[in-house]
Amino acid sequence: LIDGLELTFEEEFKIHELDAMKENLLEGCFKIFLELPNFFNNFSSTLISRSLGLSTVPPKKMHTFLGKQRNFIRNNLANGGRVSMLLDCFYVFKNVPDEVKLETFQFSVSVMVLCLRAFFKVNSDKEYLIEQNKAAGLLHPTFLQTFDQIFPNNRHALRSIDEYGPAIFKSPWAKHQSDEELFCQTMQTVGEIVKDDVKLGTLYITLILATPGKDLSHQTKTNPSLVQVQQEITLLIYRYLKTKHNDADMASHTLNLLLKLIGDLHTCRDIHLFGRAHQASEGNCF
């Protein structure tokens, strides 16, 4: 364990690098989506409708649309495509065997997306969508360019959105009300802890990416290189929180909450993907 309260230069640089890798991943995926048929048209029509105060895409249609995106990502990962290469840019995983990374990422990417949705919603107190995305750590140059293409010279065209994103989370959406309540409570708690702390959000989603689900293979869950990544990022989160709060006890308390919430987010993933009142035939979505 590194003694001292302040982050070292090496630790600060590592966080900076991880943040750049996260932005590269988000921007890279968005660029890939822009190349998919009808993505830009659906994206622009949704934003324009919101700006005019009109109803957006119906939940069932949005569920189908996002289901196709998820299947695309899953297949791209399995085939070593561009999404896989973007994830490989996270150098912390460089020593993890490819088969372990693949099995882990096929599970954890959808948990990461849920986490990003939590960051997005909790920052709905920002006035405009651009500010909301920035506070949530979701803003990147390609999103801004696309937004400017839809709303030329008007980055205040769309106010913030007090939702987890698309209409697929409009209540009632889960088979059981108790599942929906657990989902919302977990997402709200995650969001409130991280809020607009982009660095903490980056560290947390990196840990989420490195955490396999309980039903994955024993080989993956116990892989020494993957476990080492989890330990390194966990320590870095603790060190970051210790510096932020200037309080070791507060850092330990917050870290323990975040670690416990990973298991809760895994449950939320199952509710989101497999516990919906109406499942889309094209597959589950992010």
Protein backbone atom coordinates (compact mmCIF):
# COMPACT_ATOMS: atom_id res chain seq x y z
CA LEU A 1 0.00 0.00 0.00
CA ILE A 2 1.31 3.46 -0.92
CA ASP A 3 1.64 5.68 2.15
CA GLY A 4 0.75 9.36 2.15
CA LEU A 5 -2.44 11.26 1.53
CA GLU A 6 -1.79 12.85 -1.85
CA LEU A 7 -1.82 11.02 -5.16
CA THR A 8 1.61 10.51 -6.67
CA PHE A 9 2.42 11.98 -10.08
CA GLU A 10 2.38 8.46 -11.53
CA GLU A 11 -1.10 7.83 -10.14
CA GLU A 12 -2.43 11.12 -11.48
CA PHE A 13 -0.97 10.34 -14.89
CA LYS A 14 -2.51 6.86 -14.86
CA ILE A 15 -5.95 8.34 -14.13
CA HIS A 16 -5.46 10.85 -16.95
CA GLU A 17 -4.54 8.04 -19.33
CA LEU A 18 -7.57 5.97 -18.31
CA ASP A 19 -9.83 8.99 -18.87
CA ALA A 20 -8.39 9.45 -22.37
CA MET A 21 -8.92 5.74 -23.09
CA LYS A 22 -12.52 5.94 -21.90
CA GLU A 23 -13.20 8.92 -24.17
CA ASN A 24 -11.56 7.07 -27.05
CA LEU A 25 -13.81 4.05 -26.41
CA LEU A 26 -17.01 6.12 -26.22
CA GLU A 27 -16.13 8.19 -29.28
CA GLY A 28 -15.01 5.14 -31.25
CA CYS A 29 -18.26 3.30 -30.55
CA PHE A 30 -20.29 6.38 -31.48
CA LYS A 31 -18.42 6.63 -34.79
CA ILE A 32 -19.17 2.97 -35.48
CA PHE A 33 -22.86 3.51 -34.71
CA LEU A 34 -22.95 6.50 -37.09
CA GLU A 35 -21.95 4.10 -39.87
CA LEU A 36 -24.88 1.76 -39.15
CA PRO A 37 -27.98 2.06 -41.38
CA ASN A 38 -30.53 4.58 -40.08
CA PHE A 39 -28.59 5.38 -36.89
CA PHE A 40 -28.04 9.05 -37.72
CA ASN A 41 -31.64 9.50 -38.85
CA ASN A 42 -33.02 7.88 -35.70
CA PHE A 43 -30.60 9.81 -33.48
CA SER A 44 -31.31 13.18 -35.07
CA SER A 45 -35.09 12.69 -35.16
CA THR A 46 -35.07 11.77 -31.47
CA LEU A 47 -33.10 14.89 -30.51
CA ILE A 48 -35.19 17.17 -32.70
CA SER A 49 -38.41 15.75 -31.24
CA ARG A 50 -37.11 16.38 -27.73
CA SER A 51 -36.10 19.94 -28.59
CA LEU A 52 -39.65 20.59 -29.80
CA GLY A 53 -41.24 18.98 -26.76
CA LEU A 54 -42.74 16.18 -28.86
CA SER A 55 -42.99 12.50 -27.95
CA THR A 56 -39.94 10.49 -28.90
CA VAL A 57 -39.52 6.96 -30.27
CA PRO A 58 -41.98 4.46 -28.70
CA PRO A 59 -40.32 2.16 -26.10
CA LYS A 60 -40.87 -1.03 -28.14
CA LYS A 61 -39.30 0.47 -31.27
CA MET A 62 -36.39 1.88 -29.24
CA HIS A 63 -35.90 -1.51 -27.55
CA THR A 64 -35.65 -3.19 -30.94
CA PHE A 65 -33.28 -0.52 -32.28
CA LEU A 66 -30.94 -0.78 -29.28
CA GLY A 67 -31.16 -4.56 -29.38
CA LYS A 68 -29.66 -4.50 -32.85
CA GLN A 69 -26.86 -2.27 -31.58
CA ARG A 70 -26.13 -4.68 -28.74
CA ASN A 71 -26.01 -7.66 -31.09
CA PHE A 72 -23.65 -5.70 -33.32
CA ILE A 73 -21.33 -4.95 -30.40
CA ARG A 74 -21.44 -8.57 -29.19
CA ASN A 75 -20.60 -9.93 -32.64
CA ASN A 76 -17.91 -7.30 -33.13
CA LEU A 77 -16.27 -8.31 -29.86
CA ALA A 78 -16.41 -12.00 -30.70
CA ASN A 79 -14.83 -11.42 -34.11
CA GLY A 80 -12.05 -9.14 -32.89
CA GLY A 81 -13.51 -6.11 -34.68
CA ARG A 82 -13.17 -2.38 -34.05
CA VAL A 83 -14.97 -2.47 -30.70
CA SER A 84 -12.57 -5.14 -29.50
CA MET A 85 -9.62 -3.01 -30.63
CA LEU A 86 -11.01 0.01 -28.78
CA LEU A 87 -11.25 -2.01 -25.58
CA ASP A 88 -7.71 -3.26 -26.13
CA CYS A 89 -6.58 0.36 -25.84
CA PHE A 90 -7.15 0.05 -22.08
CA TYR A 91 -3.53 -0.79 -21.36
CA VAL A 92 -4.38 -2.07 -17.86
CA PHE A 93 -5.70 -5.23 -19.54
CA LYS A 94 -2.55 -5.84 -21.62
CA ASN A 95 -1.48 -8.91 -19.61
CA VAL A 96 -4.96 -10.47 -19.47
CA PRO A 97 -5.33 -13.44 -21.88
CA ASP A 98 -7.53 -12.70 -24.90
CA GLU A 99 -10.07 -15.42 -24.08
CA VAL A 100 -10.45 -14.07 -20.53
CA LYS A 101 -10.87 -10.50 -21.79
CA LEU A 102 -13.45 -11.59 -24.35
CA GLU A 103 -15.61 -13.48 -21.85
CA THR A 104 -15.35 -10.68 -19.31
CA PHE A 105 -16.07 -7.84 -21.75
CA GLN A 106 -19.04 -9.64 -23.31
CA PHE A 107 -20.58 -9.47 -19.85
CA SER A 108 -19.17 -6.26 -18.37
CA VAL A 109 -19.68 -3.86 -21.28
CA SER A 110 -23.45 -3.90 -20.68
CA VAL A 111 -22.84 -3.20 -16.97
CA MET A 112 -20.59 -0.30 -17.93
CA VAL A 113 -23.33 1.16 -20.14
CA LEU A 114 -25.80 1.00 -17.26
CA CYS A 115 -23.30 2.81 -15.06
CA LEU A 116 -22.91 5.54 -17.69
CA ARG A 117 -26.68 5.88 -17.79
CA ALA A 118 -26.67 6.44 -14.02
CA PHE A 119 -24.04 9.18 -14.40
CA PHE A 120 -26.13 10.75 -17.16
CA LYS A 121 -29.40 10.90 -15.22
CA VAL A 122 -27.95 12.20 -11.96
CA ASN A 123 -26.51 15.18 -13.84
CA SER A 124 -29.92 16.21 -15.21
CA ASP A 125 -29.69 19.25 -12.92
CA LYS A 126 -27.40 20.80 -15.53
CA GLU A 127 -29.33 23.17 -17.78
CA TYR A 128 -28.46 21.81 -21.20
CA LEU A 129 -27.74 18.39 -22.69
CA ILE A 130 -24.18 19.31 -23.68
CA GLU A 131 -23.40 20.32 -20.08
CA GLN A 132 -25.10 17.18 -18.80
CA ASN A 133 -22.99 14.93 -21.03
CA LYS A 134 -19.82 16.76 -20.01
CA ALA A 135 -20.58 16.39 -16.30
CA ALA A 136 -21.34 12.69 -16.79
CA GLY A 137 -18.05 12.12 -18.62
CA LEU A 138 -19.82 11.26 -21.87
CA LEU A 139 -18.88 14.21 -24.06
CA HIS A 140 -16.48 13.77 -26.96
CA PRO A 141 -15.67 15.69 -30.18
CA THR A 142 -17.70 13.47 -32.52
CA PHE A 143 -20.84 13.92 -30.40
CA LEU A 144 -20.35 17.69 -30.54
CA GLN A 145 -19.83 17.60 -34.32
CA THR A 146 -22.98 15.52 -34.77
CA PHE A 147 -24.97 17.79 -32.45
CA ASP A 148 -23.79 20.85 -34.42
CA GLN A 149 -24.88 19.14 -37.63
CA ILE A 150 -28.38 18.64 -36.22
CA PHE A 151 -28.58 22.03 -34.47
CA PRO A 152 -26.23 24.43 -36.32
CA ASN A 153 -24.84 27.19 -34.08
CA ASN A 154 -27.16 26.30 -31.21
CA ARG A 155 -25.67 24.13 -28.46
CA HIS A 156 -28.49 25.24 -26.17
CA ALA A 157 -31.13 23.69 -28.44
CA LEU A 158 -31.74 20.78 -26.08
CA ARG A 159 -32.20 20.95 -22.33
CA SER A 160 -30.94 18.23 -20.01
CA ILE A 161 -32.85 14.95 -19.81
CA ASP A 162 -33.98 13.53 -16.47
CA GLU A 163 -33.94 9.95 -17.69
CA TYR A 164 -31.55 7.00 -18.07
CA GLY A 165 -31.57 7.67 -21.79
CA PRO A 166 -34.09 6.11 -24.16
CA ALA A 167 -37.77 5.44 -23.59
CA ILE A 168 -37.11 1.79 -22.66
CA PHE A 169 -36.95 2.80 -18.98
CA LYS A 170 -40.40 4.39 -18.84
CA SER A 171 -42.24 2.74 -15.96
CA PRO A 172 -43.62 0.11 -15.86
CA TRP A 173 -40.97 -1.73 -17.87
CA ALA A 174 -39.90 -4.64 -15.62
CA LYS A 175 -41.86 -7.84 -15.04
CA HIS A 176 -41.87 -7.20 -11.31
CA GLN A 177 -42.28 -3.84 -9.59
CA SER A 178 -39.76 -4.87 -6.94
CA ASP A 179 -37.14 -5.39 -9.67
CA GLU A 180 -37.81 -1.94 -11.07
CA GLU A 181 -37.49 -0.41 -7.61
CA LEU A 182 -34.17 -2.20 -7.00
CA PHE A 183 -32.92 -1.07 -10.40
CA CYS A 184 -33.82 2.58 -9.79
CA GLN A 185 -32.43 2.60 -6.24
CA THR A 186 -29.11 1.10 -7.36
CA MET A 187 -28.76 3.44 -10.34
CA GLN A 188 -29.60 6.46 -8.20
CA THR A 189 -27.08 5.48 -5.52
CA VAL A 190 -24.30 4.94 -8.06
CA GLY A 191 -25.10 8.27 -9.68
CA GLU A 192 -25.18 10.19 -6.41
CA ILE A 193 -21.79 8.83 -5.28
CA VAL A 194 -20.03 9.71 -8.55
CA LYS A 195 -22.18 12.68 -9.66
CA ASP A 196 -19.99 14.95 -11.85
CA ASP A 197 -16.64 13.59 -10.69
CA VAL A 198 -15.47 12.44 -14.12
CA LYS A 199 -12.20 10.97 -12.83
CA LEU A 200 -13.98 8.83 -10.24
CA GLY A 201 -16.46 7.76 -12.90
CA THR A 202 -13.62 6.71 -15.20
CA LEU A 203 -11.95 4.66 -12.47
CA TYR A 204 -15.24 3.01 -11.55
CA ILE A 205 -16.20 1.95 -15.06
CA THR A 206 -12.67 0.58 -15.53
CA LEU A 207 -13.20 -1.58 -12.46
CA ILE A 208 -16.62 -2.60 -13.77
CA LEU A 209 -15.08 -3.61 -17.10
CA ALA A 210 -12.59 -5.77 -15.18
CA THR A 211 -15.22 -7.53 -13.05
CA PRO A 212 -16.74 -10.76 -14.48
CA GLY A 213 -20.23 -11.92 -13.57
CA LYS A 214 -20.79 -14.75 -11.11
CA ASP A 215 -21.95 -17.12 -13.85
CA LEU A 216 -18.84 -16.77 -16.00
CA SER A 217 -16.25 -19.52 -16.12
CA HIS A 218 -14.08 -20.29 -13.10
CA GLN A 219 -11.02 -19.82 -15.34
CA THR A 220 -12.03 -16.23 -16.09
CA LYS A 221 -13.13 -15.30 -12.57
CA THR A 222 -9.88 -16.53 -11.03
CA ASN A 223 -7.45 -15.47 -13.74
CA PRO A 224 -4.47 -13.93 -11.89
CA SER A 225 -3.91 -11.15 -14.42
CA LEU A 226 -7.56 -10.08 -14.33
CA VAL A 227 -7.61 -10.22 -10.53
CA GLN A 228 -4.49 -8.05 -10.49
CA VAL A 229 -6.24 -5.43 -12.64
CA GLN A 230 -9.16 -5.40 -10.21
CA GLN A 231 -6.79 -4.95 -7.27
CA GLU A 232 -4.80 -2.17 -8.94
CA ILE A 233 -7.89 -0.16 -9.91
CA THR A 234 -9.48 -0.71 -6.49
CA LEU A 235 -6.35 0.67 -4.82
CA LEU A 236 -6.30 3.60 -7.24
CA ILE A 237 -9.94 4.41 -6.42
CA TYR A 238 -9.09 4.35 -2.71
CA ARG A 239 -6.06 6.57 -3.23
CA TYR A 240 -8.10 9.01 -5.35
CA LEU A 241 -10.89 9.18 -2.76
CA LYS A 242 -8.39 9.61 0.05
CA THR A 243 -6.89 12.61 -1.74
CA LYS A 244 -10.28 14.02 -2.67
CA HIS A 245 -11.78 13.86 0.84
CA ASN A 246 -8.55 14.25 2.77
CA ASP A 247 -9.98 11.51 4.96
CA ALA A 248 -8.94 7.83 4.95
CA ASP A 249 -12.13 6.66 6.70
CA MET A 250 -14.37 8.46 4.19
CA ALA A 251 -12.34 6.97 1.36
CA SER A 252 -12.74 3.44 2.77
CA HIS A 253 -16.47 3.92 3.34
CA THR A 254 -17.10 5.22 -0.18
CA LEU A 255 -14.95 2.52 -1.75
CA ASN A 256 -16.84 -0.22 0.11
CA LEU A 257 -20.14 1.23 -1.11
CA LEU A 258 -18.88 1.27 -4.70
CA LEU A 259 -17.61 -2.31 -4.46
CA LYS A 260 -20.93 -3.53 -3.07
CA LEU A 261 -22.78 -1.68 -5.83
CA ILE A 262 -20.95 -3.64 -8.55
CA GLY A 263 -22.85 -6.76 -7.50
CA ASP A 264 -26.07 -4.74 -7.44
CA LEU A 265 -25.33 -3.43 -10.93
CA HIS A 266 -24.88 -7.02 -12.11
CA THR A 267 -28.37 -7.72 -10.79
CA CYS A 268 -29.64 -4.60 -12.57
CA ARG A 269 -28.09 -5.89 -15.79
CA ASP A 270 -30.07 -9.12 -15.46
CA ILE A 271 -33.29 -7.20 -14.76
CA HIS A 272 -32.66 -4.88 -17.70
CA LEU A 273 -31.77 -7.60 -20.18
CA PHE A 274 -33.86 -10.56 -19.01
CA GLY A 275 -36.50 -9.24 -16.61
CA ARG A 276 -38.49 -6.96 -18.86
CA ALA A 277 -42.24 -7.11 -19.17
CA HIS A 278 -41.87 -7.36 -22.94
CA GLN A 279 -38.68 -8.74 -24.46
CA ALA A 280 -37.67 -7.70 -27.96
CA SER A 281 -37.38 -10.57 -30.41
CA GLU A 282 -34.21 -9.10 -31.92
CA GLY A 283 -32.30 -9.50 -28.68
CA ASN A 284 -31.71 -7.56 -25.55
CA CYS A 285 -30.32 -4.05 -25.59
CA PHE A 286 -27.83 -2.07 -23.55
